[in-house]
Amino acid sequence: MAWKFDNPLYSMATDDQNSDAVKLWEGESLGGIKENNNRLPQPVIGLLILTIITAFLITFPLWGQRPTAAIYTDYIKLMDSPEVKAINGDKKKMEFIVNKVKASGSKWAALQERHPVEMDDLRLIKPQIEELQRKKNVHLDEYTVLGNHLTIANFEGNKRPDGSTTRKQPWWDLGYTIDVFFIVVFCFSLIITVKRLPNYSFVPDHSKHH
């Protein structure tokens, strides 16, 4: 089986292989099916590319992050402050807390905006966060907020110098590496399969069927 790579986007088959394919194409009835040699529609190619990109963006770990206990520590510090206690109504209290934390330039600002909470939510998780803060070697950004509960994140990332494992959602994981590998294999296999056939400029003559 010979290959040509001088113009791979035109054809990867040799001239004699293309000639044999043309004879077979026009000489066989193919069960009465008139199989043409149409070009793969460009909208289909675009849709395939769009599907792959969209699938990755939707499931990308950075888009699927859950709120962690760490992003609410700034809120909890202000809950018992005199300024907050002097405000009437939970809604106004929450607005004050959010605006003050945002003005202070919190490093969790993006996640705080993405995962808003109400005052009742803070009251439920406040004792749990304060309990974790009293413990040693506890990383609050590794605890996920699920309703009114805090739970250690179900991730295993890199190792710390002390030998412990980080429990943070990685921006890239092994699953994505496997996905990329198989997508590349699929796309190359599809291209090779198509380009081993006669170029789409060839139009088979179905009147030559036996």
N, C-alpha and C. Protein backbone atom coordinates (compact mmCIF):
# COMPACT_ATOMS: atom_id res chain seq x y z
N MET A 1 0.86 -1.20 0.00
CA MET A 1 0.00 0.00 0.00
C MET A 1 0.88 1.24 0.00
N ALA A 2 0.89 1.96 -1.09
CA ALA A 2 1.73 3.15 -1.23
C ALA A 2 1.00 4.40 -0.74
N TRP A 3 1.81 5.37 -0.32
CA TRP A 3 1.25 6.62 0.19
C TRP A 3 1.94 7.79 -0.51
N LYS A 4 1.21 8.88 -0.69
CA LYS A 4 1.77 10.11 -1.23
C LYS A 4 1.52 11.24 -0.24
N PHE A 5 2.57 11.98 0.04
CA PHE A 5 2.43 13.07 1.00
C PHE A 5 2.86 14.41 0.40
N ASP A 6 3.06 14.44 -0.92
CA ASP A 6 3.46 15.70 -1.54
C ASP A 6 2.31 16.71 -1.55
N ASN A 7 1.08 16.22 -1.60
CA ASN A 7 -0.10 17.10 -1.54
C ASN A 7 -1.21 16.37 -0.76
N PRO A 8 -1.04 16.21 0.54
CA PRO A 8 -1.95 15.38 1.34
C PRO A 8 -3.40 15.86 1.37
N LEU A 9 -3.63 17.16 1.17
CA LEU A 9 -5.00 17.66 1.19
C LEU A 9 -5.73 17.39 -0.12
N TYR A 10 -4.97 16.97 -1.14
CA TYR A 10 -5.60 16.59 -2.41
C TYR A 10 -5.85 15.09 -2.44
N SER A 11 -4.80 14.32 -2.22
CA SER A 11 -4.93 12.86 -2.18
C SER A 11 -3.68 12.26 -1.56
N MET A 12 -3.88 11.22 -0.76
CA MET A 12 -2.75 10.50 -0.17
C MET A 12 -2.50 9.17 -0.89
N ALA A 13 -3.29 8.91 -1.91
CA ALA A 13 -3.13 7.68 -2.69
C ALA A 13 -2.34 7.98 -3.96
N THR A 14 -1.65 6.97 -4.48
CA THR A 14 -0.88 7.14 -5.72
C THR A 14 -1.83 7.18 -6.91
N ASP A 15 -1.30 7.58 -8.06
CA ASP A 15 -2.13 7.70 -9.26
C ASP A 15 -2.74 6.36 -9.67
N ASP A 16 -1.94 5.28 -9.58
CA ASP A 16 -2.48 3.98 -9.97
C ASP A 16 -3.55 3.49 -9.00
N GLN A 17 -3.38 3.83 -7.71
CA GLN A 17 -4.41 3.47 -6.73
C GLN A 17 -5.70 4.24 -6.99
N ASN A 18 -5.58 5.52 -7.32
CA ASN A 18 -6.76 6.32 -7.64
C ASN A 18 -7.43 5.79 -8.92
N SER A 19 -6.61 5.36 -9.89
CA SER A 19 -7.16 4.83 -11.13
C SER A 19 -7.93 3.53 -10.88
N ASP A 20 -7.37 2.67 -10.02
CA ASP A 20 -8.06 1.42 -9.68
C ASP A 20 -9.36 1.70 -8.93
N ALA A 21 -9.32 2.71 -8.06
CA ALA A 21 -10.52 3.06 -7.30
C ALA A 21 -11.61 3.59 -8.22
N VAL A 22 -11.21 4.37 -9.22
CA VAL A 22 -12.17 4.92 -10.18
C VAL A 22 -12.82 3.80 -10.99
N LYS A 23 -12.02 2.83 -11.44
CA LYS A 23 -12.56 1.71 -12.21
C LYS A 23 -13.53 0.89 -11.37
N LEU A 24 -13.16 0.64 -10.12
CA LEU A 24 -14.05 -0.11 -9.24
C LEU A 24 -15.33 0.66 -8.96
N TRP A 25 -15.19 1.96 -8.75
CA TRP A 25 -16.33 2.82 -8.44
C TRP A 25 -17.34 2.82 -9.59
N GLU A 26 -16.84 2.94 -10.80
CA GLU A 26 -17.72 3.03 -11.95
C GLU A 26 -18.10 1.65 -12.50
N GLY A 27 -17.33 0.62 -12.17
CA GLY A 27 -17.61 -0.70 -12.73
C GLY A 27 -18.53 -1.56 -11.89
N GLU A 28 -18.69 -1.21 -10.59
CA GLU A 28 -19.56 -1.99 -9.71
C GLU A 28 -20.90 -1.29 -9.56
N SER A 29 -21.96 -2.07 -9.49
CA SER A 29 -23.30 -1.49 -9.36
C SER A 29 -23.59 -1.05 -7.93
N LEU A 30 -22.81 -1.61 -6.97
CA LEU A 30 -22.99 -1.27 -5.55
C LEU A 30 -24.43 -1.49 -5.10
N GLY A 31 -25.01 -2.59 -5.62
CA GLY A 31 -26.38 -2.92 -5.23
C GLY A 31 -27.41 -1.94 -5.74
N GLY A 32 -27.09 -1.22 -6.82
CA GLY A 32 -28.03 -0.26 -7.38
C GLY A 32 -27.94 1.11 -6.74
N ILE A 33 -27.06 1.26 -5.76
CA ILE A 33 -26.92 2.57 -5.10
C ILE A 33 -25.96 3.43 -5.91
N LYS A 34 -26.38 4.61 -6.26
CA LYS A 34 -25.53 5.52 -7.02
C LYS A 34 -24.74 6.39 -6.03
N GLU A 35 -23.57 5.91 -5.68
CA GLU A 35 -22.73 6.59 -4.70
C GLU A 35 -21.87 7.63 -5.40
N ASN A 36 -22.12 8.88 -5.14
CA ASN A 36 -21.36 9.95 -5.77
C ASN A 36 -20.11 10.27 -4.96
N ASN A 37 -19.28 11.12 -5.50
CA ASN A 37 -18.02 11.50 -4.85
C ASN A 37 -18.08 12.97 -4.45
N ASN A 38 -19.11 13.30 -3.69
CA ASN A 38 -19.30 14.69 -3.30
C ASN A 38 -18.31 15.10 -2.21
N ARG A 39 -17.99 16.35 -2.21
CA ARG A 39 -17.11 16.91 -1.19
C ARG A 39 -17.80 16.91 0.16
N LEU A 40 -17.05 16.65 1.20
CA LEU A 40 -17.63 16.71 2.54
C LEU A 40 -18.11 18.13 2.80
N PRO A 41 -19.40 18.32 3.07
CA PRO A 41 -19.93 19.69 3.21
C PRO A 41 -19.20 20.50 4.28
N GLN A 42 -18.83 21.70 3.94
CA GLN A 42 -18.11 22.56 4.88
C GLN A 42 -18.93 22.87 6.14
N PRO A 43 -20.26 23.04 6.02
CA PRO A 43 -21.03 23.24 7.26
C PRO A 43 -20.93 22.06 8.22
N VAL A 44 -20.81 20.85 7.68
CA VAL A 44 -20.67 19.67 8.54
C VAL A 44 -19.33 19.71 9.27
N ILE A 45 -18.28 20.11 8.55
CA ILE A 45 -16.96 20.24 9.18
C ILE A 45 -17.01 21.31 10.26
N GLY A 46 -17.66 22.44 9.95
CA GLY A 46 -17.79 23.51 10.93
C GLY A 46 -18.57 23.07 12.15
N LEU A 47 -19.63 22.29 11.91
CA LEU A 47 -20.44 21.80 13.03
C LEU A 47 -19.64 20.84 13.91
N LEU A 48 -18.80 20.01 13.28
CA LEU A 48 -17.96 19.09 14.05
C LEU A 48 -16.98 19.85 14.93
N ILE A 49 -16.34 20.86 14.34
CA ILE A 49 -15.39 21.68 15.11
C ILE A 49 -16.10 22.42 16.24
N LEU A 50 -17.27 22.98 15.94
CA LEU A 50 -18.05 23.70 16.95
C LEU A 50 -18.48 22.78 18.09
N THR A 51 -18.86 21.55 17.74
CA THR A 51 -19.28 20.58 18.76
C THR A 51 -18.13 20.25 19.70
N ILE A 52 -16.95 20.03 19.14
CA ILE A 52 -15.79 19.69 19.96
C ILE A 52 -15.44 20.84 20.89
N ILE A 53 -15.38 22.06 20.33
CA ILE A 53 -15.02 23.22 21.14
C ILE A 53 -16.06 23.48 22.23
N THR A 54 -17.34 23.40 21.86
CA THR A 54 -18.41 23.64 22.83
C THR A 54 -18.39 22.61 23.95
N ALA A 55 -18.16 21.34 23.59
CA ALA A 55 -18.12 20.29 24.60
C ALA A 55 -17.01 20.54 25.61
N PHE A 56 -15.86 20.99 25.13
CA PHE A 56 -14.75 21.27 26.04
C PHE A 56 -15.04 22.49 26.92
N LEU A 57 -15.60 23.53 26.33
CA LEU A 57 -15.86 24.74 27.10
C LEU A 57 -16.90 24.51 28.19
N ILE A 58 -17.94 23.75 27.86
CA ILE A 58 -19.01 23.52 28.83
C ILE A 58 -18.53 22.69 30.01
N THR A 59 -17.68 21.70 29.73
CA THR A 59 -17.23 20.79 30.79
C THR A 59 -15.87 21.18 31.36
N PHE A 60 -15.31 22.29 30.92
CA PHE A 60 -13.99 22.68 31.40
C PHE A 60 -14.02 22.91 32.90
N PRO A 61 -13.05 22.38 33.64
CA PRO A 61 -13.08 22.48 35.10
C PRO A 61 -13.25 23.90 35.64
N LEU A 62 -12.66 24.89 34.95
CA LEU A 62 -12.77 26.26 35.45
C LEU A 62 -14.20 26.77 35.42
N TRP A 63 -15.02 26.24 34.49
CA TRP A 63 -16.41 26.68 34.39
C TRP A 63 -17.29 25.94 35.39
N GLY A 64 -16.85 24.77 35.82
CA GLY A 64 -17.68 23.94 36.69
C GLY A 64 -17.32 24.01 38.16
N GLN A 65 -16.54 25.01 38.56
CA GLN A 65 -16.11 25.10 39.94
C GLN A 65 -17.28 25.35 40.88
N ARG A 66 -17.26 24.64 42.00
CA ARG A 66 -18.28 24.84 43.03
C ARG A 66 -17.76 25.84 44.06
N PRO A 67 -18.66 26.48 44.78
CA PRO A 67 -18.20 27.45 45.79
C PRO A 67 -17.47 26.75 46.93
N THR A 68 -16.40 27.35 47.39
CA THR A 68 -15.64 26.80 48.51
C THR A 68 -15.83 27.67 49.75
N ALA A 69 -15.46 27.11 50.89
CA ALA A 69 -15.62 27.84 52.15
C ALA A 69 -14.77 29.09 52.18
N ALA A 70 -13.64 29.07 51.48
CA ALA A 70 -12.71 30.20 51.54
C ALA A 70 -13.30 31.48 50.99
N ILE A 71 -14.16 31.39 49.98
CA ILE A 71 -14.65 32.61 49.34
C ILE A 71 -15.65 33.37 50.22
N TYR A 72 -16.12 32.74 51.28
CA TYR A 72 -17.10 33.41 52.16
C TYR A 72 -16.49 33.87 53.48
N THR A 73 -15.18 33.66 53.67
CA THR A 73 -14.56 34.09 54.93
C THR A 73 -14.60 35.61 55.09
N ASP A 74 -14.46 36.33 53.98
CA ASP A 74 -14.53 37.79 54.05
C ASP A 74 -15.91 38.25 54.51
N TYR A 75 -16.94 37.56 54.04
CA TYR A 75 -18.30 37.91 54.45
C TYR A 75 -18.51 37.65 55.94
N ILE A 76 -18.03 36.49 56.37
CA ILE A 76 -18.27 36.08 57.76
C ILE A 76 -17.55 37.00 58.75
N LYS A 77 -16.39 37.53 58.36
CA LYS A 77 -15.66 38.46 59.25
C LYS A 77 -16.49 39.71 59.54
N LEU A 78 -17.33 40.10 58.60
CA LEU A 78 -18.10 41.33 58.75
C LEU A 78 -19.47 41.11 59.40
N MET A 79 -19.90 39.86 59.52
CA MET A 79 -21.25 39.59 60.01
C MET A 79 -21.52 40.15 61.40
N ASP A 80 -20.52 40.06 62.26
CA ASP A 80 -20.71 40.52 63.65
C ASP A 80 -20.13 41.90 63.90
N SER A 81 -19.80 42.60 62.83
CA SER A 81 -19.25 43.95 63.01
C SER A 81 -20.35 44.93 63.41
N PRO A 82 -19.99 45.98 64.13
CA PRO A 82 -21.00 46.98 64.57
C PRO A 82 -21.76 47.59 63.40
N GLU A 83 -21.08 47.80 62.27
CA GLU A 83 -21.75 48.42 61.11
C GLU A 83 -22.88 47.55 60.58
N VAL A 84 -22.62 46.25 60.53
CA VAL A 84 -23.63 45.33 60.01
C VAL A 84 -24.77 45.18 61.00
N LYS A 85 -24.45 45.10 62.27
CA LYS A 85 -25.49 44.95 63.29
C LYS A 85 -26.41 46.16 63.35
N ALA A 86 -25.88 47.31 62.94
CA ALA A 86 -26.68 48.54 63.00
C ALA A 86 -27.65 48.64 61.82
N ILE A 87 -27.52 47.76 60.86
CA ILE A 87 -28.39 47.80 59.67
C ILE A 87 -29.61 46.94 59.90
N ASN A 88 -30.77 47.43 59.53
CA ASN A 88 -32.02 46.67 59.66
C ASN A 88 -32.32 45.91 58.37
N GLY A 89 -32.64 44.63 58.52
CA GLY A 89 -33.02 43.81 57.36
C GLY A 89 -31.84 43.03 56.80
N ASP A 90 -32.05 41.74 56.61
CA ASP A 90 -30.98 40.87 56.11
C ASP A 90 -30.53 41.26 54.71
N LYS A 91 -31.47 41.68 53.88
CA LYS A 91 -31.11 42.04 52.51
C LYS A 91 -30.16 43.21 52.47
N LYS A 92 -30.44 44.24 53.28
CA LYS A 92 -29.57 45.41 53.33
C LYS A 92 -28.22 45.07 53.95
N LYS A 93 -28.24 44.19 54.94
CA LYS A 93 -26.98 43.75 55.56
C LYS A 93 -26.10 43.05 54.53
N MET A 94 -26.73 42.19 53.76
CA MET A 94 -25.98 41.43 52.77
C MET A 94 -25.42 42.35 51.69
N GLU A 95 -26.21 43.32 51.29
CA GLU A 95 -25.74 44.28 50.28
C GLU A 95 -24.53 45.06 50.80
N PHE A 96 -24.57 45.44 52.07
CA PHE A 96 -23.46 46.18 52.68
C PHE A 96 -22.20 45.31 52.70
N ILE A 97 -22.37 44.07 53.13
CA ILE A 97 -21.22 43.16 53.22
C ILE A 97 -20.60 42.93 51.85
N VAL A 98 -21.44 42.64 50.87
CA VAL A 98 -20.94 42.36 49.52
C VAL A 98 -20.21 43.58 48.95
N ASN A 99 -20.80 44.75 49.09
CA ASN A 99 -20.20 45.96 48.54
C ASN A 99 -18.88 46.30 49.24
N LYS A 100 -18.82 46.10 50.55
CA LYS A 100 -17.59 46.42 51.29
C LYS A 100 -16.46 45.46 50.93
N VAL A 101 -16.81 44.19 50.82
CA VAL A 101 -15.79 43.19 50.44
C VAL A 101 -15.30 43.45 49.01
N LYS A 102 -16.23 43.79 48.13
CA LYS A 102 -15.86 44.07 46.74
C LYS A 102 -14.96 45.30 46.67
N ALA A 103 -15.26 46.31 47.47
CA ALA A 103 -14.45 47.54 47.48
C ALA A 103 -13.06 47.30 48.04
N SER A 104 -12.92 46.31 48.92
CA SER A 104 -11.62 46.02 49.53
C SER A 104 -10.70 45.25 48.58
N GLY A 105 -11.25 44.78 47.46
CA GLY A 105 -10.43 44.07 46.48
C GLY A 105 -10.11 42.64 46.90
N SER A 106 -11.11 41.90 47.29
CA SER A 106 -10.91 40.52 47.71
C SER A 106 -10.36 39.67 46.56
N LYS A 107 -9.46 38.75 46.89
CA LYS A 107 -8.92 37.86 45.85
C LYS A 107 -9.95 36.84 45.37
N TRP A 108 -11.05 36.75 46.13
CA TRP A 108 -12.13 35.82 45.76
C TRP A 108 -13.27 36.53 45.05
N ALA A 109 -13.04 37.75 44.61
CA ALA A 109 -14.11 38.57 44.05
C ALA A 109 -14.86 37.88 42.91
N ALA A 110 -14.12 37.26 41.99
CA ALA A 110 -14.76 36.61 40.84
C ALA A 110 -15.67 35.47 41.28
N LEU A 111 -15.19 34.66 42.22
CA LEU A 111 -15.99 33.53 42.69
C LEU A 111 -17.14 33.99 43.57
N GLN A 112 -16.94 35.06 44.32
CA GLN A 112 -18.03 35.60 45.14
C GLN A 112 -19.17 36.10 44.27
N GLU A 113 -18.81 36.71 43.15
CA GLU A 113 -19.84 37.20 42.23
C GLU A 113 -20.54 36.04 41.53
N ARG A 114 -19.80 34.97 41.27
CA ARG A 114 -20.36 33.81 40.58
C ARG A 114 -21.23 32.97 41.50
N HIS A 115 -20.96 33.03 42.81
CA HIS A 115 -21.71 32.20 43.78
C HIS A 115 -22.27 33.09 44.90
N PRO A 116 -23.29 33.89 44.60
CA PRO A 116 -23.87 34.77 45.62
C PRO A 116 -24.61 33.97 46.70
N VAL A 117 -24.67 34.55 47.89
CA VAL A 117 -25.37 33.90 49.00
C VAL A 117 -26.25 34.94 49.70
N GLU A 118 -27.15 34.44 50.53
CA GLU A 118 -27.99 35.31 51.35
C GLU A 118 -27.51 35.23 52.80
N MET A 119 -28.03 36.12 53.62
CA MET A 119 -27.62 36.16 55.01
C MET A 119 -27.92 34.86 55.73
N ASP A 120 -29.05 34.25 55.42
CA ASP A 120 -29.40 32.97 56.06
C ASP A 120 -28.39 31.88 55.69
N ASP A 121 -27.88 31.92 54.46
CA ASP A 121 -26.86 30.95 54.05
C ASP A 121 -25.60 31.13 54.87
N LEU A 122 -25.21 32.37 55.08
CA LEU A 122 -24.00 32.63 55.87
C LEU A 122 -24.17 32.17 57.31
N ARG A 123 -25.37 32.36 57.86
CA ARG A 123 -25.61 31.93 59.24
C ARG A 123 -25.47 30.42 59.39
N LEU A 124 -25.84 29.69 58.33
CA LEU A 124 -25.78 28.23 58.39
C LEU A 124 -24.35 27.70 58.29
N ILE A 125 -23.53 28.34 57.47
CA ILE A 125 -22.17 27.83 57.27
C ILE A 125 -21.14 28.51 58.17
N LYS A 126 -21.51 29.61 58.82
CA LYS A 126 -20.57 30.37 59.66
C LYS A 126 -19.96 29.50 60.77
N PRO A 127 -20.74 28.77 61.56
CA PRO A 127 -20.13 27.96 62.63
C PRO A 127 -19.16 26.91 62.08
N GLN A 128 -19.47 26.32 60.93
CA GLN A 128 -18.61 25.29 60.36
C GLN A 128 -17.29 25.88 59.86
N ILE A 129 -17.37 27.06 59.26
CA ILE A 129 -16.14 27.71 58.78
C ILE A 129 -15.27 28.13 59.95
N GLU A 130 -15.88 28.67 60.99
CA GLU A 130 -15.11 29.09 62.16
C GLU A 130 -14.45 27.90 62.84
N GLU A 131 -15.14 26.77 62.86
CA GLU A 131 -14.56 25.56 63.44
C GLU A 131 -13.35 25.09 62.64
N LEU A 132 -13.45 25.16 61.31
CA LEU A 132 -12.31 24.76 60.48
C LEU A 132 -11.14 25.72 60.64
N GLN A 133 -11.43 27.00 60.84
CA GLN A 133 -10.37 28.00 61.00
C GLN A 133 -9.59 27.79 62.29
N ARG A 134 -10.21 27.17 63.28
CA ARG A 134 -9.52 26.91 64.54
C ARG A 134 -8.57 25.71 64.45
N LYS A 135 -8.75 24.91 63.41
CA LYS A 135 -7.90 23.73 63.24
C LYS A 135 -6.61 24.10 62.50
N LYS A 136 -5.58 23.30 62.70
CA LYS A 136 -4.30 23.53 62.04
C LYS A 136 -4.25 22.79 60.70
N ASN A 137 -3.48 23.37 59.79
CA ASN A 137 -3.25 22.75 58.48
C ASN A 137 -4.55 22.45 57.72
N VAL A 138 -5.52 23.34 57.86
CA VAL A 138 -6.77 23.20 57.14
C VAL A 138 -6.83 24.27 56.05
N HIS A 139 -7.12 23.85 54.85
CA HIS A 139 -7.20 24.77 53.72
C HIS A 139 -8.67 24.92 53.33
N LEU A 140 -9.21 26.09 53.62
CA LEU A 140 -10.65 26.31 53.40
C LEU A 140 -11.04 26.24 51.93
N ASP A 141 -10.09 26.52 51.03
CA ASP A 141 -10.43 26.46 49.61
C ASP A 141 -10.54 25.02 49.11
N GLU A 142 -10.33 24.05 50.01
CA GLU A 142 -10.50 22.65 49.66
C GLU A 142 -11.82 22.09 50.17
N TYR A 143 -12.62 22.95 50.80
CA TYR A 143 -13.92 22.52 51.31
C TYR A 143 -15.03 23.13 50.45
N THR A 144 -15.86 22.27 49.93
CA THR A 144 -16.95 22.69 49.06
C THR A 144 -18.21 22.97 49.87
N VAL A 145 -18.91 24.04 49.51
CA VAL A 145 -20.16 24.39 50.16
C VAL A 145 -21.30 23.70 49.41
N LEU A 146 -21.95 22.76 50.09
CA LEU A 146 -23.09 22.05 49.51
C LEU A 146 -24.31 22.34 50.39
N GLY A 147 -25.10 23.30 49.96
CA GLY A 147 -26.26 23.68 50.77
C GLY A 147 -25.81 24.29 52.08
N ASN A 148 -26.18 23.66 53.19
CA ASN A 148 -25.77 24.15 54.51
C ASN A 148 -24.65 23.30 55.11
N HIS A 149 -23.96 22.54 54.25
CA HIS A 149 -22.88 21.67 54.72
C HIS A 149 -21.57 22.01 54.01
N LEU A 150 -20.47 21.78 54.71
CA LEU A 150 -19.14 21.89 54.13
C LEU A 150 -18.56 20.49 54.02
N THR A 151 -18.04 20.16 52.87
CA THR A 151 -17.47 18.84 52.66
C THR A 151 -16.16 18.95 51.91
N ILE A 152 -15.22 18.07 52.24
CA ILE A 152 -13.92 18.11 51.57
C ILE A 152 -14.12 17.80 50.09
N ALA A 153 -13.46 18.56 49.24
CA ALA A 153 -13.63 18.40 47.80
C ALA A 153 -13.17 17.02 47.33
N ASN A 154 -13.90 16.47 46.39
CA ASN A 154 -13.60 15.13 45.89
C ASN A 154 -12.60 15.20 44.72
N PHE A 155 -11.46 15.82 45.00
CA PHE A 155 -10.40 15.93 44.00
C PHE A 155 -9.08 15.54 44.63
N GLU A 156 -8.18 15.06 43.83
CA GLU A 156 -6.83 14.77 44.29
C GLU A 156 -5.86 15.37 43.29
N GLY A 157 -5.17 16.42 43.73
CA GLY A 157 -4.26 17.12 42.83
C GLY A 157 -2.81 16.88 43.16
N ASN A 158 -2.02 17.96 43.17
CA ASN A 158 -0.58 17.85 43.39
C ASN A 158 -0.26 17.62 44.86
N LYS A 159 0.98 17.23 45.09
CA LYS A 159 1.46 17.01 46.46
C LYS A 159 2.08 18.28 47.02
N ARG A 160 1.85 18.50 48.31
CA ARG A 160 2.48 19.63 48.99
C ARG A 160 3.84 19.19 49.53
N PRO A 161 4.66 20.15 49.94
CA PRO A 161 5.97 19.80 50.51
C PRO A 161 5.87 18.86 51.72
N ASP A 162 4.78 18.96 52.48
CA ASP A 162 4.63 18.10 53.66
C ASP A 162 4.10 16.71 53.31
N GLY A 163 3.85 16.46 52.02
CA GLY A 163 3.39 15.15 51.59
C GLY A 163 1.89 15.01 51.45
N SER A 164 1.14 15.99 51.93
CA SER A 164 -0.31 15.92 51.81
C SER A 164 -0.75 16.24 50.38
N THR A 165 -1.95 15.80 50.04
CA THR A 165 -2.47 15.98 48.68
C THR A 165 -3.44 17.15 48.63
N THR A 166 -3.27 18.00 47.65
CA THR A 166 -4.21 19.11 47.49
C THR A 166 -5.55 18.56 47.02
N ARG A 167 -6.62 19.17 47.51
CA ARG A 167 -7.96 18.72 47.14
C ARG A 167 -8.66 19.84 46.38
N LYS A 168 -7.98 20.33 45.37
CA LYS A 168 -8.53 21.41 44.56
C LYS A 168 -8.81 20.91 43.15
N GLN A 169 -9.83 21.48 42.55
CA GLN A 169 -10.17 21.11 41.19
C GLN A 169 -9.12 21.66 40.24
N PRO A 170 -8.40 20.79 39.50
CA PRO A 170 -7.35 21.27 38.60
C PRO A 170 -7.93 21.92 37.36
N TRP A 171 -7.17 22.84 36.77
CA TRP A 171 -7.66 23.49 35.55
C TRP A 171 -7.56 22.53 34.37
N TRP A 172 -6.74 21.49 34.52
CA TRP A 172 -6.60 20.47 33.47
C TRP A 172 -6.40 19.13 34.17
N ASP A 173 -7.06 18.10 33.70
CA ASP A 173 -6.89 16.80 34.33
C ASP A 173 -6.65 15.71 33.28
N LEU A 174 -6.46 14.49 33.77
CA LEU A 174 -6.14 13.37 32.88
C LEU A 174 -7.27 13.10 31.89
N GLY A 175 -8.50 13.32 32.34
CA GLY A 175 -9.64 13.08 31.45
C GLY A 175 -9.57 13.94 30.20
N TYR A 176 -9.13 15.19 30.34
CA TYR A 176 -9.01 16.07 29.18
C TYR A 176 -7.87 15.63 28.27
N THR A 177 -6.79 15.13 28.86
CA THR A 177 -5.69 14.61 28.05
C THR A 177 -6.16 13.43 27.20
N ILE A 178 -6.93 12.54 27.80
CA ILE A 178 -7.47 11.39 27.07
C ILE A 178 -8.42 11.87 25.97
N ASP A 179 -9.27 12.85 26.29
CA ASP A 179 -10.21 13.39 25.29
C ASP A 179 -9.47 13.95 24.09
N VAL A 180 -8.45 14.76 24.37
CA VAL A 180 -7.69 15.38 23.28
C VAL A 180 -7.04 14.31 22.41
N PHE A 181 -6.49 13.28 23.06
CA PHE A 181 -5.82 12.21 22.31
C PHE A 181 -6.80 11.53 21.35
N PHE A 182 -7.96 11.14 21.84
CA PHE A 182 -8.90 10.42 20.99
C PHE A 182 -9.53 11.32 19.92
N ILE A 183 -9.72 12.59 20.23
CA ILE A 183 -10.25 13.52 19.22
C ILE A 183 -9.24 13.70 18.09
N VAL A 184 -7.96 13.84 18.45
CA VAL A 184 -6.91 13.97 17.43
C VAL A 184 -6.85 12.71 16.58
N VAL A 185 -6.92 11.54 17.23
CA VAL A 185 -6.89 10.27 16.48
C VAL A 185 -8.09 10.18 15.55
N PHE A 186 -9.27 10.56 16.05
CA PHE A 186 -10.48 10.51 15.21
C PHE A 186 -10.37 11.43 14.00
N CYS A 187 -9.94 12.67 14.24
CA CYS A 187 -9.86 13.64 13.14
C CYS A 187 -8.83 13.20 12.10
N PHE A 188 -7.66 12.73 12.54
CA PHE A 188 -6.65 12.28 11.60
C PHE A 188 -7.11 11.04 10.84
N SER A 189 -7.80 10.13 11.53
CA SER A 189 -8.31 8.93 10.87
C SER A 189 -9.34 9.29 9.81
N LEU A 190 -10.21 10.27 10.14
CA LEU A 190 -11.22 10.72 9.17
C LEU A 190 -10.57 11.35 7.95
N ILE A 191 -9.57 12.20 8.18
CA ILE A 191 -8.88 12.86 7.07
C ILE A 191 -8.17 11.84 6.19
N ILE A 192 -7.48 10.90 6.82
CA ILE A 192 -6.75 9.88 6.05
C ILE A 192 -7.71 9.03 5.23
N THR A 193 -8.84 8.66 5.85
CA THR A 193 -9.82 7.84 5.13
C THR A 193 -10.35 8.56 3.90
N VAL A 194 -10.68 9.84 4.06
CA VAL A 194 -11.23 10.61 2.95
C VAL A 194 -10.17 10.85 1.87
N LYS A 195 -8.96 11.17 2.30
CA LYS A 195 -7.91 11.51 1.34
C LYS A 195 -7.27 10.28 0.68
N ARG A 196 -7.64 9.08 1.12
CA ARG A 196 -7.19 7.88 0.41
C ARG A 196 -8.12 7.55 -0.75
N LEU A 197 -9.23 8.25 -0.83
CA LEU A 197 -10.16 8.09 -1.95
C LEU A 197 -9.79 9.07 -3.07
N PRO A 198 -10.31 8.87 -4.26
CA PRO A 198 -10.07 9.85 -5.34
C PRO A 198 -10.58 11.23 -4.92
N ASN A 199 -9.91 12.26 -5.40
CA ASN A 199 -10.28 13.61 -5.06
C ASN A 199 -11.73 13.89 -5.46
N TYR A 200 -12.38 14.83 -4.75
CA TYR A 200 -13.79 15.11 -4.99
C TYR A 200 -14.05 15.72 -6.37
N SER A 201 -12.97 16.10 -7.06
CA SER A 201 -13.15 16.62 -8.42
C SER A 201 -13.56 15.51 -9.40
N PHE A 202 -13.31 14.25 -8.99
CA PHE A 202 -13.73 13.12 -9.83
C PHE A 202 -15.23 12.88 -9.65
N VAL A 203 -15.99 12.83 -10.76
CA VAL A 203 -17.41 12.57 -10.73
C VAL A 203 -17.66 11.22 -11.39
N PRO A 204 -18.09 10.22 -10.63
CA PRO A 204 -18.28 8.88 -11.20
C PRO A 204 -19.41 8.85 -12.23
N ASP A 205 -19.20 8.05 -13.27
CA ASP A 205 -20.19 7.86 -14.32
C ASP A 205 -20.94 6.55 -14.02
N HIS A 206 -22.17 6.68 -13.51
CA HIS A 206 -22.94 5.51 -13.10
C HIS A 206 -23.51 4.72 -14.29
N SER A 207 -23.38 5.27 -15.48
CA SER A 207 -23.89 4.56 -16.65
C SER A 207 -23.00 3.38 -17.05
N LYS A 208 -21.82 3.30 -16.45
CA LYS A 208 -20.89 2.21 -16.77
C LYS A 208 -21.12 0.98 -15.92
N HIS A 209 -22.11 0.99 -15.06
CA HIS A 209 -22.37 -0.18 -14.21
C HIS A 209 -22.72 -1.38 -15.07
N HIS A 210 -22.23 -2.55 -14.66
CA HIS A 210 -22.57 -3.80 -15.39
C HIS A 210 -23.98 -4.25 -15.04
